[in-house]
Amino acid sequence: MQKFVAWIVKYCYPRAWREQYERELLTALRMQPVSLRTLINLFGGCLMAHLMHPGICY
């Protein structure tokens, strides 16, 4: 499951967001078990990251 979470962070979040927050997020996610709620929050965060930075697509 951790590999799937890392994939979400690497390929779904915008590059500029990842450069700033990826390390911190992955560290926090390693500290707790991954649940369905965590996955939903990750996808929601991904959507928000794209909406808040519409010019950043990668």
C-alpha atoms as a PDB file:
ATOM      1  CA  MET A   1       0.000   0.000   0.000  1.00  0.00           C
ATOM      2  CA  GLN A   2       2.888   2.389   0.712  1.00  0.00           C
ATOM      3  CA  LYS A   3       4.062   2.035  -2.894  1.00  0.00           C
ATOM      4  CA  PHE A   4       0.598   3.015  -4.118  1.00  0.00           C
ATOM      5  CA  VAL A   5       0.596   6.065  -1.863  1.00  0.00           C
ATOM      6  CA  ALA A   6       4.040   7.064  -3.151  1.00  0.00           C
ATOM      7  CA  TRP A   7       2.739   6.645  -6.723  1.00  0.00           C
ATOM      8  CA  ILE A   8      -0.213   8.945  -5.972  1.00  0.00           C
ATOM      9  CA  VAL A   9       2.110  11.615  -4.617  1.00  0.00           C
ATOM     10  CA  LYS A  10       4.617  11.263  -7.459  1.00  0.00           C
ATOM     11  CA  TYR A  11       2.248  11.147 -10.417  1.00  0.00           C
ATOM     12  CA  CYS A  12      -0.925  12.940  -9.333  1.00  0.00           C
ATOM     13  CA  TYR A  13       0.346  16.048  -7.568  1.00  0.00           C
ATOM     14  CA  PRO A  14       1.790  18.947  -9.606  1.00  0.00           C
ATOM     15  CA  ARG A  15       5.579  19.044  -9.830  1.00  0.00           C
ATOM     16  CA  ALA A  16       5.868  22.431  -8.092  1.00  0.00           C
ATOM     17  CA  TRP A  17       3.792  21.124  -5.191  1.00  0.00           C
ATOM     18  CA  ARG A  18       5.900  17.957  -4.944  1.00  0.00           C
ATOM     19  CA  GLU A  19       9.137  19.933  -4.903  1.00  0.00           C
ATOM     20  CA  GLN A  20       7.924  21.777  -1.829  1.00  0.00           C
ATOM     21  CA  TYR A  21       5.880  19.186   0.097  1.00  0.00           C
ATOM     22  CA  GLU A  22       6.536  15.630  -1.151  1.00  0.00           C
ATOM     23  CA  ARG A  23       9.211  14.702   1.373  1.00  0.00           C
ATOM     24  CA  GLU A  24       7.202  16.003   4.317  1.00  0.00           C
ATOM     25  CA  LEU A  25       4.000  14.262   3.177  1.00  0.00           C
ATOM     26  CA  LEU A  26       5.669  10.899   2.587  1.00  0.00           C
ATOM     27  CA  THR A  27       7.350  11.077   5.997  1.00  0.00           C
ATOM     28  CA  ALA A  28       4.005  11.775   7.679  1.00  0.00           C
ATOM     29  CA  LEU A  29       2.324   8.950   5.762  1.00  0.00           C
ATOM     30  CA  ARG A  30       4.979   6.451   6.897  1.00  0.00           C
ATOM     31  CA  MET A  31       4.046   7.213  10.522  1.00  0.00           C
ATOM     32  CA  GLN A  32       0.505   5.886  10.244  1.00  0.00           C
ATOM     33  CA  PRO A  33      -1.291   2.997   8.570  1.00  0.00           C
ATOM     34  CA  VAL A  34      -2.821   3.852   5.208  1.00  0.00           C
ATOM     35  CA  SER A  35      -6.608   3.666   5.241  1.00  0.00           C
ATOM     36  CA  LEU A  36      -9.328   4.365   2.731  1.00  0.00           C
ATOM     37  CA  ARG A  37      -9.795   7.734   4.384  1.00  0.00           C
ATOM     38  CA  THR A  38      -6.104   8.525   3.829  1.00  0.00           C
ATOM     39  CA  LEU A  39      -6.397   7.657   0.138  1.00  0.00           C
ATOM     40  CA  ILE A  40      -9.498   9.818  -0.271  1.00  0.00           C
ATOM     41  CA  ASN A  41      -7.690  12.702   1.447  1.00  0.00           C
ATOM     42  CA  LEU A  42      -4.693  12.286  -0.866  1.00  0.00           C
ATOM     43  CA  PHE A  43      -6.831  12.420  -3.990  1.00  0.00           C
ATOM     44  CA  GLY A  44      -8.734  15.405  -2.587  1.00  0.00           C
ATOM     45  CA  GLY A  45      -5.463  17.153  -1.828  1.00  0.00           C
ATOM     46  CA  CYS A  46      -4.266  16.403  -5.329  1.00  0.00           C
ATOM     47  CA  LEU A  47      -7.383  17.969  -6.796  1.00  0.00           C
ATOM     48  CA  MET A  48      -6.970  21.043  -4.607  1.00  0.00           C
ATOM     49  CA  ALA A  49      -3.301  21.378  -5.579  1.00  0.00           C
ATOM     50  CA  HIS A  50      -4.299  21.428  -9.248  1.00  0.00           C
ATOM     51  CA  LEU A  51      -7.137  23.870  -8.672  1.00  0.00           C
ATOM     52  CA  MET A  52      -5.014  26.277  -6.658  1.00  0.00           C
ATOM     53  CA  HIS A  53      -2.218  26.199  -9.262  1.00  0.00           C
ATOM     54  CA  PRO A  54      -4.087  25.845 -12.581  1.00  0.00           C
ATOM     55  CA  GLY A  55      -1.064  26.719 -14.710  1.00  0.00           C
ATOM     56  CA  ILE A  56       0.938  23.805 -13.308  1.00  0.00           C
ATOM     57  CA  CYS A  57       0.013  20.566 -15.037  1.00  0.00           C
ATOM     58  CA  TYR A  58       2.924  18.247 -14.270  1.00  0.00           C
END
